[in-house]
């Protein structure tokens, strides 16, 4: 991914309709930091602290394993508004 592609992803919400990619008022988001989904927002509205603490495995075609692969993110210690990339999986 080049710099132009990365800039297009910033401020977009993971898994949303491309016609309405931005965050919505009254929703809670965590920023994905690093890895193939860097800069995307993840909607965590209604998630419990335990669910947030578990982290996520998100499907993506942009990771090391291509289509069908997953990017793994864990909440940053002390800042659950940011999820740090921990690696890719098939």
PDB file of N, CA and C in Angstrom:
ATOM      1  N   UNK A   1       0.860  -1.173   0.000  1.00  0.00           N
ATOM      2  CA  UNK A   1       0.000   0.000   0.000  1.00  0.00           C
ATOM      3  C   UNK A   1       0.904   1.234   0.000  1.00  0.00           C
ATOM      4  N   UNK A   2       0.576   2.200  -0.852  1.00  0.00           N
ATOM      5  CA  UNK A   2       1.393   3.407  -0.914  1.00  0.00           C
ATOM      6  C   UNK A   2       0.776   4.512  -0.050  1.00  0.00           C
ATOM      7  N   UNK A   3       1.425   5.650   0.019  1.00  0.00           N
ATOM      8  CA  UNK A   3       0.953   6.758   0.857  1.00  0.00           C
ATOM      9  C   UNK A   3      -0.431   7.260   0.477  1.00  0.00           C
ATOM     10  N   UNK A   4      -0.743   7.268  -0.831  1.00  0.00           N
ATOM     11  CA  UNK A   4      -2.073   7.717  -1.262  1.00  0.00           C
ATOM     12  C   UNK A   4      -3.159   6.772  -0.748  1.00  0.00           C
ATOM     13  N   UNK A   5      -2.907   5.450  -0.820  1.00  0.00           N
ATOM     14  CA  UNK A   5      -3.871   4.467  -0.317  1.00  0.00           C
ATOM     15  C   UNK A   5      -4.077   4.634   1.181  1.00  0.00           C
ATOM     16  N   UNK A   6      -2.986   4.838   1.906  1.00  0.00           N
ATOM     17  CA  UNK A   6      -3.074   4.997   3.357  1.00  0.00           C
ATOM     18  C   UNK A   6      -3.903   6.225   3.713  1.00  0.00           C
ATOM     19  N   UNK A   7      -3.718   7.314   2.988  1.00  0.00           N
ATOM     20  CA  UNK A   7      -4.461   8.539   3.269  1.00  0.00           C
ATOM     21  C   UNK A   7      -5.951   8.338   3.032  1.00  0.00           C
ATOM     22  N   UNK A   8      -6.317   7.560   2.006  1.00  0.00           N
ATOM     23  CA  UNK A   8      -7.728   7.293   1.728  1.00  0.00           C
ATOM     24  C   UNK A   8      -8.407   6.543   2.867  1.00  0.00           C
ATOM     25  N   UNK A   9      -7.660   5.669   3.557  1.00  0.00           N
ATOM     26  CA  UNK A   9      -8.245   4.876   4.631  1.00  0.00           C
ATOM     27  C   UNK A   9      -8.451   5.674   5.915  1.00  0.00           C
ATOM     28  N   UNK A  10      -7.665   6.681   6.148  1.00  0.00           N
ATOM     29  CA  UNK A  10      -7.745   7.429   7.407  1.00  0.00           C
ATOM     30  C   UNK A  10      -9.123   8.061   7.585  1.00  0.00           C
ATOM     31  N   UNK A  11      -9.654   7.926   8.804  1.00  0.00           N
ATOM     32  CA  UNK A  11     -10.951   8.507   9.117  1.00  0.00           C
ATOM     33  C   UNK A  11     -12.125   7.660   8.672  1.00  0.00           C
ATOM     34  N   UNK A  12     -11.852   6.541   8.019  1.00  0.00           N
ATOM     35  CA  UNK A  12     -12.919   5.634   7.593  1.00  0.00           C
ATOM     36  C   UNK A  12     -13.185   4.641   8.710  1.00  0.00           C
ATOM     37  N   UNK A  13     -14.391   4.109   8.721  1.00  0.00           N
ATOM     38  CA  UNK A  13     -14.778   3.131   9.734  1.00  0.00           C
ATOM     39  C   UNK A  13     -14.707   1.732   9.121  1.00  0.00           C
ATOM     40  N   UNK A  14     -14.010   0.827   9.802  1.00  0.00           N
ATOM     41  CA  UNK A  14     -13.865  -0.547   9.328  1.00  0.00           C
ATOM     42  C   UNK A  14     -15.243  -1.176   9.140  1.00  0.00           C
ATOM     43  N   UNK A  15     -15.456  -1.798   7.982  1.00  0.00           N
ATOM     44  CA  UNK A  15     -16.665  -2.556   7.715  1.00  0.00           C
ATOM     45  C   UNK A  15     -17.893  -1.744   7.333  1.00  0.00           C
ATOM     46  N   UNK A  16     -17.726  -0.455   7.041  1.00  0.00           N
ATOM     47  CA  UNK A  16     -18.882   0.366   6.696  1.00  0.00           C
ATOM     48  C   UNK A  16     -19.090   0.445   5.187  1.00  0.00           C
ATOM     49  N   UNK A  17     -20.243   0.918   4.819  1.00  0.00           N
ATOM     50  CA  UNK A  17     -20.618   1.148   3.424  1.00  0.00           C
ATOM     51  C   UNK A  17     -19.671   2.194   2.836  1.00  0.00           C
ATOM     52  N   UNK A  18     -19.036   1.910   1.695  1.00  0.00           N
ATOM     53  CA  UNK A  18     -18.113   2.881   1.088  1.00  0.00           C
ATOM     54  C   UNK A  18     -18.761   4.236   0.777  1.00  0.00           C
ATOM     55  N   UNK A  19     -20.079   4.263   0.587  1.00  0.00           N
ATOM     56  CA  UNK A  19     -20.748   5.529   0.327  1.00  0.00           C
ATOM     57  C   UNK A  19     -20.903   6.378   1.589  1.00  0.00           C
ATOM     58  N   UNK A  20     -20.753   5.773   2.757  1.00  0.00           N
ATOM     59  CA  UNK A  20     -20.862   6.467   4.042  1.00  0.00           C
ATOM     60  C   UNK A  20     -19.743   5.987   4.958  1.00  0.00           C
ATOM     61  N   UNK A  21     -18.484   6.324   4.603  1.00  0.00           N
ATOM     62  CA  UNK A  21     -17.347   5.720   5.287  1.00  0.00           C
ATOM     63  C   UNK A  21     -16.956   6.343   6.627  1.00  0.00           C
ATOM     64  N   UNK A  22     -17.463   7.531   6.928  1.00  0.00           N
ATOM     65  CA  UNK A  22     -16.979   8.244   8.099  1.00  0.00           C
ATOM     66  C   UNK A  22     -17.701   7.892   9.380  1.00  0.00           C
ATOM     67  N   UNK A  23     -17.144   8.369  10.500  1.00  0.00           N
ATOM     68  CA  UNK A  23     -17.767   8.124  11.794  1.00  0.00           C
ATOM     69  C   UNK A  23     -19.104   8.844  11.919  1.00  0.00           C
ATOM     70  N   UNK A  24     -19.976   8.287  12.740  1.00  0.00           N
ATOM     71  CA  UNK A  24     -21.296   8.872  12.973  1.00  0.00           C
ATOM     72  C   UNK A  24     -21.369   9.400  14.397  1.00  0.00           C
ATOM     73  N   UNK A  25     -22.122  10.473  14.590  1.00  0.00           N
ATOM     74  CA  UNK A  25     -22.293  10.998  15.946  1.00  0.00           C
ATOM     75  C   UNK A  25     -22.933   9.941  16.841  1.00  0.00           C
ATOM     76  N   UNK A  26     -22.684  10.005  18.091  1.00  0.00           N
ATOM     77  CA  UNK A  26     -23.226   9.136  19.139  1.00  0.00           C
ATOM     78  C   UNK A  26     -22.700   7.704  19.057  1.00  0.00           C
ATOM     79  N   UNK A  27     -21.671   7.454  18.270  1.00  0.00           N
ATOM     80  CA  UNK A  27     -21.028   6.140  18.226  1.00  0.00           C
ATOM     81  C   UNK A  27     -19.664   6.273  18.899  1.00  0.00           C
ATOM     82  N   UNK A  28     -19.137   5.173  19.399  1.00  0.00           N
ATOM     83  CA  UNK A  28     -17.832   5.152  20.051  1.00  0.00           C
ATOM     84  C   UNK A  28     -16.871   4.368  19.163  1.00  0.00           C
ATOM     85  N   UNK A  29     -15.697   4.942  18.929  1.00  0.00           N
ATOM     86  CA  UNK A  29     -14.730   4.323  18.025  1.00  0.00           C
ATOM     87  C   UNK A  29     -13.373   4.171  18.692  1.00  0.00           C
ATOM     88  N   UNK A  30     -12.652   3.146  18.254  1.00  0.00           N
ATOM     89  CA  UNK A  30     -11.248   2.965  18.602  1.00  0.00           C
ATOM     90  C   UNK A  30     -10.464   3.058  17.301  1.00  0.00           C
ATOM     91  N   UNK A  31      -9.309   3.683  17.358  1.00  0.00           N
ATOM     92  CA  UNK A  31      -8.460   3.802  16.171  1.00  0.00           C
ATOM     93  C   UNK A  31      -7.566   2.571  16.059  1.00  0.00           C
ATOM     94  N   UNK A  32      -7.483   2.005  14.862  1.00  0.00           N
ATOM     95  CA  UNK A  32      -6.577   0.893  14.602  1.00  0.00           C
ATOM     96  C   UNK A  32      -5.208   1.480  14.255  1.00  0.00           C
ATOM     97  N   UNK A  33      -4.171   1.022  14.971  1.00  0.00           N
ATOM     98  CA  UNK A  33      -2.841   1.604  14.837  1.00  0.00           C
ATOM     99  C   UNK A  33      -1.864   0.537  14.352  1.00  0.00           C
ATOM    100  N   UNK A  34      -1.223   0.810  13.226  1.00  0.00           N
ATOM    101  CA  UNK A  34      -0.248  -0.111  12.658  1.00  0.00           C
ATOM    102  C   UNK A  34      -0.922  -1.184  11.813  1.00  0.00           C
ATOM    103  N   UNK A  35      -0.106  -1.967  11.138  1.00  0.00           N
ATOM    104  CA  UNK A  35      -0.629  -3.072  10.341  1.00  0.00           C
ATOM    105  C   UNK A  35      -1.416  -2.621   9.135  1.00  0.00           C
ATOM    106  N   UNK A  36      -2.112  -3.559   8.502  1.00  0.00           N
ATOM    107  CA  UNK A  36      -2.790  -3.264   7.246  1.00  0.00           C
ATOM    108  C   UNK A  36      -4.006  -2.350   7.367  1.00  0.00           C
ATOM    109  N   UNK A  37      -4.567  -2.227   8.556  1.00  0.00           N
ATOM    110  CA  UNK A  37      -5.763  -1.395   8.726  1.00  0.00           C
ATOM    111  C   UNK A  37      -5.457  -0.095   9.465  1.00  0.00           C
ATOM    112  N   UNK A  38      -4.203   0.284   9.492  1.00  0.00           N
ATOM    113  CA  UNK A  38      -3.756   1.491  10.193  1.00  0.00           C
ATOM    114  C   UNK A  38      -4.589   2.706   9.801  1.00  0.00           C
ATOM    115  N   UNK A  39      -5.076   3.408  10.797  1.00  0.00           N
ATOM    116  CA  UNK A  39      -5.826   4.633  10.556  1.00  0.00           C
ATOM    117  C   UNK A  39      -7.327   4.446  10.476  1.00  0.00           C
ATOM    118  N   UNK A  40      -7.795   3.208  10.279  1.00  0.00           N
ATOM    119  CA  UNK A  40      -9.242   2.976  10.264  1.00  0.00           C
ATOM    120  C   UNK A  40      -9.791   3.071  11.676  1.00  0.00           C
ATOM    121  N   UNK A  41     -11.066   3.379  11.773  1.00  0.00           N
ATOM    122  CA  UNK A  41     -11.752   3.403  13.050  1.00  0.00           C
ATOM    123  C   UNK A  41     -12.577   2.130  13.192  1.00  0.00           C
ATOM    124  N   UNK A  42     -12.658   1.614  14.407  1.00  0.00           N
ATOM    125  CA  UNK A  42     -13.455   0.429  14.697  1.00  0.00           C
ATOM    126  C   UNK A  42     -14.589   0.846  15.615  1.00  0.00           C
ATOM    127  N   UNK A  43     -15.815   0.567  15.212  1.00  0.00           N
ATOM    128  CA  UNK A  43     -16.989   0.919  16.008  1.00  0.00           C
ATOM    129  C   UNK A  43     -17.079  -0.039  17.194  1.00  0.00           C
ATOM    130  N   UNK A  44     -16.888   0.480  18.400  1.00  0.00           N
ATOM    131  CA  UNK A  44     -16.947  -0.332  19.616  1.00  0.00           C
ATOM    132  C   UNK A  44     -18.139   0.067  20.483  1.00  0.00           C
ATOM    133  N   UNK A  45     -19.104   0.721  19.876  1.00  0.00           N
ATOM    134  CA  UNK A  45     -20.302   1.143  20.602  1.00  0.00           C
ATOM    135  C   UNK A  45     -20.966  -0.068  21.241  1.00  0.00           C
ATOM    136  N   UNK A  46     -21.231   0.013  22.525  1.00  0.00           N
ATOM    137  CA  UNK A  46     -21.916  -1.053  23.239  1.00  0.00           C
ATOM    138  C   UNK A  46     -21.024  -2.200  23.682  1.00  0.00           C
ATOM    139  N   UNK A  47     -19.737  -2.167  23.352  1.00  0.00           N
ATOM    140  CA  UNK A  47     -18.832  -3.228  23.786  1.00  0.00           C
ATOM    141  C   UNK A  47     -18.597  -3.111  25.284  1.00  0.00           C
ATOM    142  N   UNK A  48     -18.519  -4.235  25.964  1.00  0.00           N
ATOM    143  CA  UNK A  48     -18.200  -4.242  27.394  1.00  0.00           C
ATOM    144  C   UNK A  48     -16.690  -4.102  27.563  1.00  0.00           C
ATOM    145  N   UNK A  49     -16.231  -3.722  28.761  1.00  0.00           N
ATOM    146  CA  UNK A  49     -14.783  -3.666  28.990  1.00  0.00           C
ATOM    147  C   UNK A  49     -14.101  -5.006  28.707  1.00  0.00           C
ATOM    148  N   UNK A  50     -14.765  -6.121  29.018  1.00  0.00           N
ATOM    149  CA  UNK A  50     -14.180  -7.434  28.724  1.00  0.00           C
ATOM    150  C   UNK A  50     -14.043  -7.663  27.232  1.00  0.00           C
ATOM    151  N   UNK A  51     -15.052  -7.263  26.457  1.00  0.00           N
ATOM    152  CA  UNK A  51     -14.989  -7.424  25.006  1.00  0.00           C
ATOM    153  C   UNK A  51     -13.870  -6.571  24.417  1.00  0.00           C
ATOM    154  N   UNK A  52     -13.732  -5.353  24.905  1.00  0.00           N
ATOM    155  CA  UNK A  52     -12.658  -4.479  24.431  1.00  0.00           C
ATOM    156  C   UNK A  52     -11.305  -5.072  24.813  1.00  0.00           C
ATOM    157  N   UNK A  53     -11.196  -5.576  26.027  1.00  0.00           N
ATOM    158  CA  UNK A  53      -9.932  -6.128  26.517  1.00  0.00           C
ATOM    159  C   UNK A  53      -9.461  -7.356  25.765  1.00  0.00           C
ATOM    160  N   UNK A  54     -10.377  -8.055  25.111  1.00  0.00           N
ATOM    161  CA  UNK A  54     -10.035  -9.257  24.367  1.00  0.00           C
ATOM    162  C   UNK A  54      -9.308  -8.939  23.070  1.00  0.00           C
ATOM    163  N   UNK A  55      -9.568  -7.767  22.492  1.00  0.00           N
ATOM    164  CA  UNK A  55      -8.990  -7.430  21.198  1.00  0.00           C
ATOM    165  C   UNK A  55      -9.841  -8.000  20.075  1.00  0.00           C
ATOM    166  N   UNK A  56      -9.371  -7.826  18.839  1.00  0.00           N
ATOM    167  CA  UNK A  56     -10.160  -8.251  17.682  1.00  0.00           C
ATOM    168  C   UNK A  56      -9.280  -8.901  16.622  1.00  0.00           C
ATOM    169  N   UNK A  57      -9.927  -9.718  15.813  1.00  0.00           N
ATOM    170  CA  UNK A  57      -9.326 -10.326  14.631  1.00  0.00           C
ATOM    171  C   UNK A  57     -10.236  -9.939  13.469  1.00  0.00           C
ATOM    172  N   UNK A  58      -9.736  -9.084  12.581  1.00  0.00           N
ATOM    173  CA  UNK A  58     -10.562  -8.485  11.532  1.00  0.00           C
ATOM    174  C   UNK A  58     -10.162  -8.995  10.150  1.00  0.00           C
ATOM    175  N   UNK A  59     -11.141  -9.375   9.357  1.00  0.00           N
ATOM    176  CA  UNK A  59     -10.829  -9.832   8.003  1.00  0.00           C
ATOM    177  C   UNK A  59     -10.331  -8.661   7.159  1.00  0.00           C
ATOM    178  N   UNK A  60      -9.345  -8.973   6.323  1.00  0.00           N
ATOM    179  CA  UNK A  60      -8.793  -7.963   5.431  1.00  0.00           C
ATOM    180  C   UNK A  60      -8.072  -8.630   4.264  1.00  0.00           C
ATOM    181  N   UNK A  61      -8.123  -7.992   3.128  1.00  0.00           N
ATOM    182  CA  UNK A  61      -7.368  -8.446   1.963  1.00  0.00           C
ATOM    183  C   UNK A  61      -6.001  -7.786   1.915  1.00  0.00           C
ATOM    184  N   UNK A  62      -5.754  -6.854   2.821  1.00  0.00           N
ATOM    185  CA  UNK A  62      -4.540  -6.048   2.780  1.00  0.00           C
ATOM    186  C   UNK A  62      -3.387  -6.635   3.585  1.00  0.00           C
ATOM    187  N   UNK A  63      -3.626  -7.680   4.354  1.00  0.00           N
ATOM    188  CA  UNK A  63      -2.600  -8.240   5.228  1.00  0.00           C
ATOM    189  C   UNK A  63      -1.664  -9.193   4.518  1.00  0.00           C
ATOM    190  N   UNK A  64      -0.788  -9.798   5.285  1.00  0.00           N
ATOM    191  CA  UNK A  64       0.235 -10.711   4.804  1.00  0.00           C
ATOM    192  C   UNK A  64      -0.353 -11.911   4.055  1.00  0.00           C
ATOM    193  N   UNK A  65      -1.565 -12.338   4.435  1.00  0.00           N
ATOM    194  CA  UNK A  65      -2.141 -13.548   3.852  1.00  0.00           C
ATOM    195  C   UNK A  65      -3.158 -13.269   2.748  1.00  0.00           C
ATOM    196  N   UNK A  66      -3.322 -12.008   2.356  1.00  0.00           N
ATOM    197  CA  UNK A  66      -4.206 -11.653   1.249  1.00  0.00           C
ATOM    198  C   UNK A  66      -5.671 -11.945   1.550  1.00  0.00           C
ATOM    199  N   UNK A  67      -6.487 -12.148   0.515  1.00  0.00           N
ATOM    200  CA  UNK A  67      -7.920 -12.387   0.712  1.00  0.00           C
ATOM    201  C   UNK A  67      -8.175 -13.533   1.693  1.00  0.00           C
ATOM    202  N   UNK A  68      -9.066 -13.296   2.627  1.00  0.00           N
ATOM    203  CA  UNK A  68      -9.387 -14.303   3.630  1.00  0.00           C
ATOM    204  C   UNK A  68      -8.518 -14.215   4.873  1.00  0.00           C
ATOM    205  N   UNK A  69      -7.463 -13.397   4.812  1.00  0.00           N
ATOM    206  CA  UNK A  69      -6.588 -13.232   5.966  1.00  0.00           C
ATOM    207  C   UNK A  69      -7.219 -12.339   7.024  1.00  0.00           C
ATOM    208  N   UNK A  70      -6.584 -12.315   8.178  1.00  0.00           N
ATOM    209  CA  UNK A  70      -7.090 -11.513   9.289  1.00  0.00           C
ATOM    210  C   UNK A  70      -5.949 -10.686   9.878  1.00  0.00           C
ATOM    211  N   UNK A  71      -6.287  -9.504  10.349  1.00  0.00           N
ATOM    212  CA  UNK A  71      -5.352  -8.644  11.071  1.00  0.00           C
ATOM    213  C   UNK A  71      -5.807  -8.617  12.528  1.00  0.00           C
ATOM    214  N   UNK A  72      -4.868  -8.826  13.435  1.00  0.00           N
ATOM    215  CA  UNK A  72      -5.195  -8.889  14.859  1.00  0.00           C
ATOM    216  C   UNK A  72      -4.761  -7.603  15.557  1.00  0.00           C
ATOM    217  N   UNK A  73      -5.664  -7.082  16.380  1.00  0.00           N
ATOM    218  CA  UNK A  73      -5.421  -5.841  17.109  1.00  0.00           C
ATOM    219  C   UNK A  73      -5.822  -6.012  18.568  1.00  0.00           C
ATOM    220  N   UNK A  74      -5.005  -5.494  19.474  1.00  0.00           N
ATOM    221  CA  UNK A  74      -5.291  -5.516  20.910  1.00  0.00           C
ATOM    222  C   UNK A  74      -5.362  -4.086  21.425  1.00  0.00           C
ATOM    223  N   UNK A  75      -6.196  -3.850  22.447  1.00  0.00           N
ATOM    224  CA  UNK A  75      -6.277  -2.492  22.993  1.00  0.00           C
ATOM    225  C   UNK A  75      -4.938  -2.082  23.606  1.00  0.00           C
ATOM    226  N   UNK A  76      -4.609  -0.843  23.418  1.00  0.00           N
ATOM    227  CA  UNK A  76      -3.363  -0.304  23.962  1.00  0.00           C
ATOM    228  C   UNK A  76      -3.511  -0.189  25.484  1.00  0.00           C
ATOM    229  N   UNK A  77      -2.560  -0.706  26.247  1.00  0.00           N
ATOM    230  CA  UNK A  77      -2.642  -0.567  27.706  1.00  0.00           C
ATOM    231  C   UNK A  77      -2.741   0.907  28.107  1.00  0.00           C
ATOM    232  N   UNK A  78      -3.749   1.220  28.902  1.00  0.00           N
ATOM    233  CA  UNK A  78      -3.949   2.587  29.369  1.00  0.00           C
ATOM    234  C   UNK A  78      -4.684   3.484  28.392  1.00  0.00           C
ATOM    235  N   UNK A  79      -4.995   3.001  27.195  1.00  0.00           N
ATOM    236  CA  UNK A  79      -5.698   3.819  26.204  1.00  0.00           C
ATOM    237  C   UNK A  79      -6.540   2.915  25.299  1.00  0.00           C
ATOM    238  N   UNK A  80      -7.711   2.547  25.770  1.00  0.00           N
ATOM    239  CA  UNK A  80      -8.556   1.627  25.020  1.00  0.00           C
ATOM    240  C   UNK A  80      -9.225   2.280  23.814  1.00  0.00           C
ATOM    241  N   UNK A  81      -8.889   3.532  23.530  1.00  0.00           N
ATOM    242  CA  UNK A  81      -9.375   4.185  22.312  1.00  0.00           C
ATOM    243  C   UNK A  81      -8.467   3.906  21.132  1.00  0.00           C
ATOM    244  N   UNK A  82      -7.379   3.167  21.389  1.00  0.00           N
ATOM    245  CA  UNK A  82      -6.449   2.778  20.323  1.00  0.00           C
ATOM    246  C   UNK A  82      -6.184   1.273  20.439  1.00  0.00           C
ATOM    247  N   UNK A  83      -6.276   0.597  19.307  1.00  0.00           N
ATOM    248  CA  UNK A  83      -5.978  -0.831  19.242  1.00  0.00           C
ATOM    249  C   UNK A  83      -4.717  -0.978  18.394  1.00  0.00           C
ATOM    250  N   UNK A  84      -3.698  -1.594  18.966  1.00  0.00           N
ATOM    251  CA  UNK A  84      -2.415  -1.776  18.280  1.00  0.00           C
ATOM    252  C   UNK A  84      -2.382  -3.114  17.535  1.00  0.00           C
ATOM    253  N   UNK A  85      -1.807  -3.096  16.342  1.00  0.00           N
ATOM    254  CA  UNK A  85      -1.672  -4.293  15.514  1.00  0.00           C
ATOM    255  C   UNK A  85      -0.709  -5.260  16.181  1.00  0.00           C
ATOM    256  N   UNK A  86      -1.089  -6.537  16.239  1.00  0.00           N
ATOM    257  CA  UNK A  86      -0.216  -7.553  16.845  1.00  0.00           C
ATOM    258  C   UNK A  86       0.212  -8.609  15.833  1.00  0.00           C
ATOM    259  N   UNK A  87      -0.310  -8.569  14.617  1.00  0.00           N
ATOM    260  CA  UNK A  87       0.104  -9.508  13.582  1.00  0.00           C
ATOM    261  C   UNK A  87      -1.041  -9.905  12.672  1.00  0.00           C
ATOM    262  N   UNK A  88      -0.719 -10.709  11.680  1.00  0.00           N
ATOM    263  CA  UNK A  88      -1.707 -11.219  10.729  1.00  0.00           C
ATOM    264  C   UNK A  88      -1.828 -12.726  10.901  1.00  0.00           C
ATOM    265  N   UNK A  89      -2.968 -13.262  10.497  1.00  0.00           N
ATOM    266  CA  UNK A  89      -3.167 -14.708  10.513  1.00  0.00           C
ATOM    267  C   UNK A  89      -3.931 -15.121   9.260  1.00  0.00           C
ATOM    268  N   UNK A  90      -3.771 -16.381   8.850  1.00  0.00           N
ATOM    269  CA  UNK A  90      -4.474 -16.854   7.655  1.00  0.00           C
ATOM    270  C   UNK A  90      -5.975 -16.949   7.876  1.00  0.00           C
TER     271      UNK A  90
END
